[in-house]
C-alpha atoms as a PDB file:
ATOM      1  CA  MET A   1      74.422 137.294 117.965  1.00  0.00           C
ATOM      2  CA  LYS A   2      71.291 138.121 116.035  1.00  0.00           C
ATOM      3  CA  ILE A   3      72.229 135.608 113.392  1.00  0.00           C
ATOM      4  CA  ASN A   4      72.604 132.895 116.012  1.00  0.00           C
ATOM      5  CA  SER A   5      69.227 133.804 117.506  1.00  0.00           C
ATOM      6  CA  ILE A   6      67.541 133.594 114.153  1.00  0.00           C
ATOM      7  CA  THR A   7      69.196 130.247 113.410  1.00  0.00           C
ATOM      8  CA  LYS A   8      68.081 128.865 116.752  1.00  0.00           C
ATOM      9  CA  ALA A   9      64.509 130.053 116.264  1.00  0.00           C
ATOM     10  CA  THR A  10      64.388 128.463 112.804  1.00  0.00           C
ATOM     11  CA  ALA A  11      65.786 125.159 114.012  1.00  0.00           C
ATOM     12  CA  HIS A  12      63.385 125.007 116.967  1.00  0.00           C
ATOM     13  CA  PRO A  13      60.089 126.643 115.969  1.00  0.00           C
ATOM     14  CA  HIS A  14      57.600 127.847 118.550  1.00  0.00           C
ATOM     15  CA  PRO A  15      55.230 125.080 119.804  1.00  0.00           C
ATOM     16  CA  VAL A  16      52.233 126.777 118.163  1.00  0.00           C
ATOM     17  CA  ALA A  17      54.035 127.016 114.823  1.00  0.00           C
ATOM     18  CA  ARG A  18      55.197 123.423 115.156  1.00  0.00           C
ATOM     19  CA  ASN A  19      51.601 122.307 115.755  1.00  0.00           C
ATOM     20  CA  ILE A  20      50.438 124.154 112.645  1.00  0.00           C
ATOM     21  CA  LEU A  21      53.197 122.543 110.592  1.00  0.00           C
ATOM     22  CA  TRP A  22      52.242 119.073 111.818  1.00  0.00           C
ATOM     23  CA  ARG A  23      48.567 119.645 110.984  1.00  0.00           C
ATOM     24  CA  GLY A  24      49.518 120.883 107.542  1.00  0.00           C
ATOM     25  CA  ALA A  25      51.681 117.828 106.965  1.00  0.00           C
ATOM     26  CA  ILE A  26      48.852 115.501 108.046  1.00  0.00           C
ATOM     27  CA  CYS A  27      46.356 117.241 105.725  1.00  0.00           C
ATOM     28  CA  LEU A  28      48.846 116.983 102.864  1.00  0.00           C
ATOM     29  CA  CYS A  29      49.296 113.259 103.521  1.00  0.00           C
ATOM     30  CA  TRP A  30      45.532 112.693 103.454  1.00  0.00           C
ATOM     31  CA  LEU A  31      45.271 114.651 100.202  1.00  0.00           C
ATOM     32  CA  VAL A  32      48.038 112.587  98.592  1.00  0.00           C
ATOM     33  CA  MET A  33      46.379 109.366  99.757  1.00  0.00           C
ATOM     34  CA  ALA A  34      42.997 110.454  98.397  1.00  0.00           C
ATOM     35  CA  LEU A  35      44.491 111.346  95.024  1.00  0.00           C
ATOM     36  CA  ALA A  36      46.404 108.075  94.913  1.00  0.00           C
ATOM     37  CA  ALA A  37      43.211 106.121  95.585  1.00  0.00           C
ATOM     38  CA  ARG A  38      41.604 107.488  92.425  1.00  0.00           C
ATOM     39  CA  ALA A  39      43.295 108.025  89.070  1.00  0.00           C
ATOM     40  CA  GLU A  40      41.940 109.423  85.837  1.00  0.00           C
ATOM     41  CA  THR A  41      42.382 107.263  82.758  1.00  0.00           C
ATOM     42  CA  THR A  42      42.827 109.073  79.449  1.00  0.00           C
ATOM     43  CA  ASN A  43      43.977 106.278  77.139  1.00  0.00           C
ATOM     44  CA  VAL A  44      40.689 104.438  76.567  1.00  0.00           C
ATOM     45  CA  PRO A  45      39.761 104.919  72.882  1.00  0.00           C
ATOM     46  CA  GLY A  46      36.609 106.975  72.352  1.00  0.00           C
ATOM     47  CA  ALA A  47      35.867 107.444  76.041  1.00  0.00           C
ATOM     48  CA  LEU A  48      36.675 111.155  76.262  1.00  0.00           C
ATOM     49  CA  VAL A  49      34.595 113.521  74.141  1.00  0.00           C
ATOM     50  CA  LYS A  50      33.307 117.093  74.337  1.00  0.00           C
ATOM     51  CA  GLU A  51      29.757 118.400  74.659  1.00  0.00           C
ATOM     52  CA  THR A  52      28.973 121.218  72.211  1.00  0.00           C
ATOM     53  CA  ASN A  53      25.764 122.307  73.958  1.00  0.00           C
ATOM     54  CA  PRO A  54      26.767 125.069  76.433  1.00  0.00           C
ATOM     55  CA  GLY A  55      23.801 124.295  78.678  1.00  0.00           C
ATOM     56  CA  LEU A  56      24.811 120.668  79.207  1.00  0.00           C
ATOM     57  CA  GLN A  57      28.350 121.005  80.493  1.00  0.00           C
ATOM     58  CA  PRO A  58      29.588 118.974  83.482  1.00  0.00           C
ATOM     59  CA  HIS A  59      29.215 120.741  86.810  1.00  0.00           C
ATOM     60  CA  GLY A  60      32.251 120.302  89.043  1.00  0.00           C
ATOM     61  CA  GLY A  61      34.783 118.738  86.720  1.00  0.00           C
ATOM     62  CA  ASN A  62      35.508 117.460  83.226  1.00  0.00           C
ATOM     63  CA  TRP A  63      34.248 114.516  81.222  1.00  0.00           C
ATOM     64  CA  ARG A  64      36.470 111.602  82.131  1.00  0.00           C
ATOM     65  CA  LEU A  65      36.935 107.959  82.936  1.00  0.00           C
ATOM     66  CA  GLU A  66      37.972 107.719  86.577  1.00  0.00           C
ATOM     67  CA  LYS A  67      39.337 104.421  87.834  1.00  0.00           C
ATOM     68  CA  ALA A  68      39.782 103.321  91.414  1.00  0.00           C
ATOM     69  CA  THR A  69      43.218 102.106  92.419  1.00  0.00           C
ATOM     70  CA  ILE A  70      42.842  98.433  93.310  1.00  0.00           C
ATOM     71  CA  THR A  71      44.790  97.067  96.262  1.00  0.00           C
ATOM     72  CA  ASP A  72      42.462  94.204  97.232  1.00  0.00           C
ATOM     73  CA  THR A  73      41.535  91.902  94.357  1.00  0.00           C
ATOM     74  CA  ASN A  74      38.804  90.251  96.447  1.00  0.00           C
ATOM     75  CA  ARG A  75      36.782  93.463  96.681  1.00  0.00           C
ATOM     76  CA  PRO A  76      33.869  93.823  94.207  1.00  0.00           C
ATOM     77  CA  ARG A  77      34.090  96.360  91.395  1.00  0.00           C
ATOM     78  CA  VAL A  78      31.314  98.717  90.317  1.00  0.00           C
ATOM     79  CA  LEU A  79      31.059 100.941  87.248  1.00  0.00           C
ATOM     80  CA  LEU A  80      28.931 104.093  87.239  1.00  0.00           C
ATOM     81  CA  ILE A  81      28.054 105.357  83.752  1.00  0.00           C
ATOM     82  CA  GLY A  82      26.371 108.719  83.377  1.00  0.00           C
ATOM     83  CA  ASP A  83      26.374 112.368  82.433  1.00  0.00           C
ATOM     84  CA  SER A  84      26.482 115.603  84.424  1.00  0.00           C
ATOM     85  CA  ILE A  85      23.717 114.347  86.722  1.00  0.00           C
ATOM     86  CA  LEU A  86      26.006 111.506  87.776  1.00  0.00           C
ATOM     87  CA  ASN A  87      28.744 114.074  88.272  1.00  0.00           C
ATOM     88  CA  GLY A  88      26.513 115.648  90.916  1.00  0.00           C
ATOM     89  CA  TYR A  89      25.901 112.557  93.038  1.00  0.00           C
ATOM     90  CA  ARG A  90      28.988 110.429  92.369  1.00  0.00           C
ATOM     91  CA  PRO A  91      31.010 111.705  95.409  1.00  0.00           C
ATOM     92  CA  MET A  92      28.249 110.637  97.804  1.00  0.00           C
ATOM     93  CA  VAL A  93      27.964 107.210  96.173  1.00  0.00           C
ATOM     94  CA  VAL A  94      31.722 106.673  96.407  1.00  0.00           C
ATOM     95  CA  GLN A  95      31.652 107.744 100.048  1.00  0.00           C
ATOM     96  CA  SER A  96      28.738 105.401 100.862  1.00  0.00           C
ATOM     97  CA  LEU A  97      30.533 102.455  99.273  1.00  0.00           C
ATOM     98  CA  GLU A  98      33.973 103.271 100.675  1.00  0.00           C
ATOM     99  CA  GLY A  99      35.733 100.159 101.928  1.00  0.00           C
ATOM    100  CA  LYS A 100      33.079  97.873 100.418  1.00  0.00           C
ATOM    101  CA  VAL A 101      33.641  98.114  96.676  1.00  0.00           C
ATOM    102  CA  TYR A 102      35.899  99.768  94.137  1.00  0.00           C
ATOM    103  CA  VAL A 103      34.019 102.336  92.055  1.00  0.00           C
ATOM    104  CA  ASP A 104      35.016 103.300  88.511  1.00  0.00           C
ATOM    105  CA  ILE A 105      33.193 106.274  87.000  1.00  0.00           C
ATOM    106  CA  TRP A 106      32.628 107.106  83.341  1.00  0.00           C
ATOM    107  CA  LEU A 107      31.352 110.656  83.049  1.00  0.00           C
ATOM    108  CA  THR A 108      30.304 111.176  79.450  1.00  0.00           C
ATOM    109  CA  PRO A 109      28.032 113.470  77.422  1.00  0.00           C
ATOM    110  CA  MET A 110      27.541 110.722  74.813  1.00  0.00           C
ATOM    111  CA  TRP A 111      24.136 109.379  73.893  1.00  0.00           C
ATOM    112  CA  GLN A 112      22.913 106.131  72.317  1.00  0.00           C
ATOM    113  CA  SER A 113      24.731 105.697  68.998  1.00  0.00           C
ATOM    114  CA  GLU A 114      27.151 103.354  67.249  1.00  0.00           C
ATOM    115  CA  LYS A 115      29.998 105.655  68.277  1.00  0.00           C
ATOM    116  CA  PHE A 116      28.887 105.479  71.891  1.00  0.00           C
ATOM    117  CA  ASN A 117      28.570 101.696  71.822  1.00  0.00           C
ATOM    118  CA  LYS A 118      32.120 101.351  70.514  1.00  0.00           C
ATOM    119  CA  ALA A 119      33.468 103.591  73.295  1.00  0.00           C
ATOM    120  CA  LEU A 120      31.324 101.701  75.801  1.00  0.00           C
ATOM    121  CA  GLY A 121      32.938  98.437  74.799  1.00  0.00           C
ATOM    122  CA  ASN A 122      36.388  99.911  75.367  1.00  0.00           C
ATOM    123  CA  VAL A 123      35.381 101.190  78.804  1.00  0.00           C
ATOM    124  CA  LEU A 124      33.931  97.810  79.789  1.00  0.00           C
ATOM    125  CA  ASP A 125      37.263  96.224  78.900  1.00  0.00           C
ATOM    126  CA  GLN A 126      38.618  97.994  82.003  1.00  0.00           C
ATOM    127  CA  GLY A 127      36.604  95.526  84.125  1.00  0.00           C
ATOM    128  CA  PRO A 128      35.425  92.959  84.947  1.00  0.00           C
ATOM    129  CA  TYR A 129      32.635  94.620  86.916  1.00  0.00           C
ATOM    130  CA  ASP A 130      30.214  93.058  89.368  1.00  0.00           C
ATOM    131  CA  VAL A 131      27.585  95.818  89.088  1.00  0.00           C
ATOM    132  CA  ILE A 132      27.054  98.472  86.405  1.00  0.00           C
ATOM    133  CA  HIS A 133      24.816 101.437  87.234  1.00  0.00           C
ATOM    134  CA  MET A 134      23.639 103.406  84.180  1.00  0.00           C
ATOM    135  CA  ASN A 135      22.182 106.927  84.212  1.00  0.00           C
ATOM    136  CA  LEU A 136      22.073 108.366  80.678  1.00  0.00           C
ATOM    137  CA  GLY A 137      19.602 110.492  78.762  1.00  0.00           C
ATOM    138  CA  LEU A 138      20.174 114.146  79.549  1.00  0.00           C
ATOM    139  CA  HIS A 139      22.266 114.692  76.408  1.00  0.00           C
ATOM    140  CA  GLY A 140      20.156 112.808  73.903  1.00  0.00           C
ATOM    141  CA  TRP A 141      17.176 115.128  73.556  1.00  0.00           C
ATOM    142  CA  PRO A 142      18.602 117.977  71.356  1.00  0.00           C
ATOM    143  CA  ALA A 143      17.242 117.867  67.804  1.00  0.00           C
ATOM    144  CA  GLY A 144      19.218 115.726  65.394  1.00  0.00           C
ATOM    145  CA  ARG A 145      20.957 113.574  67.978  1.00  0.00           C
ATOM    146  CA  ILE A 146      18.575 110.607  68.163  1.00  0.00           C
ATOM    147  CA  LYS A 147      15.659 110.136  65.769  1.00  0.00           C
ATOM    148  CA  ASP A 148      12.449 108.969  67.440  1.00  0.00           C
ATOM    149  CA  GLU A 149      12.349 105.727  65.501  1.00  0.00           C
ATOM    150  CA  GLU A 150      15.994 104.969  66.341  1.00  0.00           C
ATOM    151  CA  TYR A 151      15.874 105.462  70.095  1.00  0.00           C
ATOM    152  CA  GLU A 152      14.560 102.019  71.057  1.00  0.00           C
ATOM    153  CA  PRO A 153      16.857  99.947  68.791  1.00  0.00           C
ATOM    154  CA  LEU A 154      19.878 102.030  69.809  1.00  0.00           C
ATOM    155  CA  THR A 155      19.072 101.547  73.490  1.00  0.00           C
ATOM    156  CA  ARG A 156      18.658  97.805  72.977  1.00  0.00           C
ATOM    157  CA  ALA A 157      22.007  97.743  71.175  1.00  0.00           C
ATOM    158  CA  PHE A 158      23.585  99.638  74.077  1.00  0.00           C
ATOM    159  CA  LEU A 159      22.253  97.054  76.514  1.00  0.00           C
ATOM    160  CA  LYS A 160      23.490  94.200  74.317  1.00  0.00           C
ATOM    161  CA  VAL A 161      27.042  95.573  74.350  1.00  0.00           C
ATOM    162  CA  ILE A 162      27.022  95.429  78.150  1.00  0.00           C
ATOM    163  CA  ARG A 163      25.511  91.945  78.224  1.00  0.00           C
ATOM    164  CA  ASP A 164      28.077  90.674  75.720  1.00  0.00           C
ATOM    165  CA  LYS A 165      31.068  92.286  77.440  1.00  0.00           C
ATOM    166  CA  CYS A 166      30.032  91.764  81.085  1.00  0.00           C
ATOM    167  CA  SER A 167      27.700  88.785  81.074  1.00  0.00           C
ATOM    168  CA  GLN A 168      28.128  88.177  84.817  1.00  0.00           C
ATOM    169  CA  ALA A 169      27.503  91.776  85.881  1.00  0.00           C
ATOM    170  CA  LYS A 170      24.338  92.895  87.604  1.00  0.00           C
ATOM    171  CA  LEU A 171      22.829  95.908  85.819  1.00  0.00           C
ATOM    172  CA  ILE A 172      20.864  98.848  87.204  1.00  0.00           C
ATOM    173  CA  TRP A 173      19.185 101.498  85.061  1.00  0.00           C
ATOM    174  CA  ALA A 174      18.439 104.966  86.463  1.00  0.00           C
ATOM    175  CA  ASN A 175      16.054 106.964  84.314  1.00  0.00           C
ATOM    176  CA  THR A 176      16.521 110.595  83.307  1.00  0.00           C
ATOM    177  CA  THR A 177      15.708 113.373  85.764  1.00  0.00           C
ATOM    178  CA  PRO A 178      13.088 116.067  84.999  1.00  0.00           C
ATOM    179  CA  PHE A 179      13.951 119.088  82.877  1.00  0.00           C
ATOM    180  CA  LEU A 180      12.421 122.287  84.255  1.00  0.00           C
ATOM    181  CA  ASN A 181      11.555 125.587  82.593  1.00  0.00           C
ATOM    182  CA  LYS A 182      14.550 127.826  83.215  1.00  0.00           C
ATOM    183  CA  THR A 183      12.394 130.962  83.253  1.00  0.00           C
ATOM    184  CA  ASN A 184       9.967 129.407  85.736  1.00  0.00           C
ATOM    185  CA  LEU A 185      11.456 126.613  87.798  1.00  0.00           C
ATOM    186  CA  GLN A 186       8.051 125.640  89.158  1.00  0.00           C
ATOM    187  CA  GLU A 187       7.147 124.330  85.707  1.00  0.00           C
ATOM    188  CA  LEU A 188       8.429 121.482  83.592  1.00  0.00           C
ATOM    189  CA  ASN A 189      10.031 122.549  80.314  1.00  0.00           C
ATOM    190  CA  PRO A 190       7.189 122.187  77.778  1.00  0.00           C
ATOM    191  CA  ASP A 191       9.510 121.301  74.876  1.00  0.00           C
ATOM    192  CA  ILE A 192      12.210 119.138  76.439  1.00  0.00           C
ATOM    193  CA  ASN A 193      10.536 117.329  79.325  1.00  0.00           C
ATOM    194  CA  PRO A 194       7.973 115.473  77.165  1.00  0.00           C
ATOM    195  CA  ILE A 195      10.899 113.958  75.225  1.00  0.00           C
ATOM    196  CA  ILE A 196      12.446 112.796  78.493  1.00  0.00           C
ATOM    197  CA  VAL A 197       9.151 111.310  79.708  1.00  0.00           C
ATOM    198  CA  LYS A 198       8.614 109.437  76.441  1.00  0.00           C
ATOM    199  CA  ARG A 199      12.145 108.035  76.419  1.00  0.00           C
ATOM    200  CA  ASN A 200      11.916 107.069  80.080  1.00  0.00           C
ATOM    201  CA  GLN A 201       8.852 105.036  79.150  1.00  0.00           C
ATOM    202  CA  ILE A 202      10.730 103.306  76.332  1.00  0.00           C
ATOM    203  CA  ASP A 203      13.643 102.622  78.676  1.00  0.00           C
ATOM    204  CA  ALA A 204      11.268 101.160  81.267  1.00  0.00           C
ATOM    205  CA  LYS A 205       9.866  98.771  78.679  1.00  0.00           C
ATOM    206  CA  ILE A 206      13.313  97.643  77.531  1.00  0.00           C
ATOM    207  CA  MET A 207      14.763  97.235  81.012  1.00  0.00           C
ATOM    208  CA  THR A 208      11.713  95.434  82.362  1.00  0.00           C
ATOM    209  CA  GLU A 209      11.850  92.949  79.479  1.00  0.00           C
ATOM    210  CA  ALA A 210      15.566  92.427  80.155  1.00  0.00           C
ATOM    211  CA  GLY A 211      15.062  91.982  83.900  1.00  0.00           C
ATOM    212  CA  VAL A 212      17.084  95.090  84.754  1.00  0.00           C
ATOM    213  CA  PRO A 213      15.914  96.947  87.905  1.00  0.00           C
ATOM    214  CA  ILE A 214      15.139 100.642  87.521  1.00  0.00           C
ATOM    215  CA  ASN A 215      15.963 103.514  89.851  1.00  0.00           C
ATOM    216  CA  ASP A 216      13.189 106.018  89.194  1.00  0.00           C
ATOM    217  CA  PHE A 217      15.174 109.238  89.487  1.00  0.00           C
ATOM    218  CA  TYR A 218      12.507 111.133  87.553  1.00  0.00           C
ATOM    219  CA  SER A 219       9.747 110.477  90.097  1.00  0.00           C
ATOM    220  CA  LEU A 220      12.156 111.173  92.931  1.00  0.00           C
ATOM    221  CA  LEU A 221      12.725 114.784  91.824  1.00  0.00           C
ATOM    222  CA  VAL A 222       9.661 115.798  89.781  1.00  0.00           C
ATOM    223  CA  ASP A 223       7.865 117.084  92.897  1.00  0.00           C
ATOM    224  CA  LYS A 224      11.002 118.642  94.366  1.00  0.00           C
ATOM    225  CA  LYS A 225      11.420 121.448  91.877  1.00  0.00           C
ATOM    226  CA  GLU A 226      12.733 123.758  94.599  1.00  0.00           C
ATOM    227  CA  LEU A 227      15.905 121.640  94.579  1.00  0.00           C
ATOM    228  CA  ASN A 228      16.761 122.526  90.982  1.00  0.00           C
ATOM    229  CA  GLY A 229      20.077 124.299  90.540  1.00  0.00           C
ATOM    230  CA  GLY A 230      18.597 127.159  88.513  1.00  0.00           C
ATOM    231  CA  ASP A 231      19.263 126.095  84.926  1.00  0.00           C
ATOM    232  CA  GLY A 232      16.396 123.618  84.640  1.00  0.00           C
ATOM    233  CA  ALA A 233      18.682 120.633  84.041  1.00  0.00           C
ATOM    234  CA  HIS A 234      20.977 120.369  87.059  1.00  0.00           C
ATOM    235  CA  TRP A 235      20.244 120.150  90.791  1.00  0.00           C
ATOM    236  CA  LYS A 236      21.347 121.279  94.225  1.00  0.00           C
ATOM    237  CA  GLN A 237      23.298 119.110  96.640  1.00  0.00           C
ATOM    238  CA  PRO A 238      20.234 117.854  98.620  1.00  0.00           C
ATOM    239  CA  ALA A 239      18.745 116.493  95.378  1.00  0.00           C
ATOM    240  CA  TYR A 240      21.992 114.763  94.468  1.00  0.00           C
ATOM    241  CA  GLN A 241      22.095 113.264  97.952  1.00  0.00           C
ATOM    242  CA  LEU A 242      18.677 111.705  97.328  1.00  0.00           C
ATOM    243  CA  LEU A 243      19.914 110.189  94.071  1.00  0.00           C
ATOM    244  CA  ALA A 244      23.122 108.980  95.690  1.00  0.00           C
ATOM    245  CA  ASP A 245      21.247 107.239  98.505  1.00  0.00           C
ATOM    246  CA  VAL A 246      19.049 105.351  96.040  1.00  0.00           C
ATOM    247  CA  ALA A 247      21.992 104.444  93.802  1.00  0.00           C
ATOM    248  CA  ALA A 248      24.209 103.200  96.647  1.00  0.00           C
ATOM    249  CA  LYS A 249      21.395 101.180  98.211  1.00  0.00           C
ATOM    250  CA  SER A 250      20.550  99.511  94.896  1.00  0.00           C
ATOM    251  CA  ILE A 251      24.207  98.659  94.238  1.00  0.00           C
ATOM    252  CA  LEU A 252      24.582  96.994  97.637  1.00  0.00           C
ATOM    253  CA  ARG A 253      21.323  95.118  97.056  1.00  0.00           C
ATOM    254  CA  GLU A 254      22.517  93.746  93.725  1.00  0.00           C
ATOM    255  CA  LEU A 255      25.879  92.778  95.202  1.00  0.00           C
ATOM    256  CA  ALA A 256      24.094  90.905  97.995  1.00  0.00           C
ATOM    257  CA  ASP A 257      21.889  89.073  95.475  1.00  0.00           C
ATOM    258  CA  LYS A 258      24.935  88.238  93.381  1.00  0.00           C
ATOM    259  CA  LYS A 259      26.730  86.788  96.420  1.00  0.00           C
ATOM    260  CA  VAL A 260      23.724  84.697  97.464  1.00  0.00           C
ATOM    261  CA  SER A 261      23.305  83.309  93.945  1.00  0.00           C
ATOM    262  CA  GLY A 262      26.976  82.351  93.814  1.00  0.00           C
ATOM    263  CA  ASP A 263      27.667  84.502  90.740  1.00  0.00           C
ATOM    264  CA  MET A 264      30.249  86.689  92.456  1.00  0.00           C
ATOM    265  CA  LYS A 265      33.846  85.549  92.592  1.00  0.00           C
ATOM    266  CA  HIS A 266      34.571  87.722  95.630  1.00  0.00           C
ATOM    267  CA  PRO A 267      34.031  86.468  99.211  1.00  0.00           C
END
């Protein structure tokens, strides 16, 4: 008799338990759908590398090339290129653009170099892309990585790779965010931040000459030091939300301009 009772209870669970099971099943379905909508790509030559500097590791994930799963070929495609700063604001950008564009994301610790340009070309082959948003610079300041006299020509070469591979894409450059003094977060790092400021100025010159709009991430955060994450380099969620809002707005603006000019193949 007890066995029969147990069998009956298992076959017909209590309404409360049944409700919990249904909710769990729904959550699992949403999780599977979310994972299916985005897939990590690991077979692009040169795209996945490691950062040896322990203070410049990605927060909230690994370095990767993340591709959106395309189900509507008429929807525009966007590529976000950046380092651990991008890793902080990318979820908000993807959310803002949900249903409007497909967003691929290349999270990389690489800096301007011939090796980087070769990997960049391979990543761009995953397109075509309608808009490419670039936010690099945090990993290029350590000594020995980029010589002062090589920074400008390497950055121009980087831009040329994109122009050659994606001639129809609209480009957006986001400059490098401030680097604070870890021991006093109310101060800019006296050794690193001047390098960032100087290179931001060089980038501004190059991008202005090339007609590439600039998202001034540096100015957006330099007076919001209280939003730093505590290590001088990375930031808290409210800061990343500010960056995400600017990035998403600029992407939609460039897509609108591209549509008006007739350069976009999508309706």
